[in-house]
């Protein structure tokens, strides 16, 4: 299941989030040896920025969850801004993280939100594909889907694309019951 809220953010709000994003760092896939793999499944830059109108996002997330899954969502929110330049991409993946940091936090990601922060005229390529469906590229659109839903971002061939990400988690004890 997936859901799109058309025009959730205004163009001005998208620009505000992009301009507030900071601390971008290259993000590559990590191999079994713990070292970055330059040609792995991910090549993007990830930065920090707080989403705007979080209560409005929560309303849409809770409605989506209630309609499709009815999970207990009482965990943390993880937020980021992904920046994709020419040649950058994120191959097919799911948003469940299996590593020591998630085990230490006793959290598991349950829902993912992707908010388009770039106008489609600013870049080429960079399609967000969720379960083989190309999602809208309209600036400000909010896409919500289960964290185990396979998705990817195709390579950027021209320009730069920005995307706000929000992952909604729940404590592992409750997650084990609701899976």
Foldseek 3Di string as FASTA:
>chain_A
DKDKDPQQDPLVLLVVQVVQWDDWDWDADADPVRHGDCPDQFTWIKTDGDHPPVVVVVVVQVVVCVVPFVADQDDDKDKIKIKAAAFGKHHKDFQWDDDDVCVVRQKTFFKKKKAWSDDVVQWPFFFKAWQNRGDDNHHGMIMMDTRRTIIMTTGIHHGMTMMMMMTTIDGNVRVVVRD
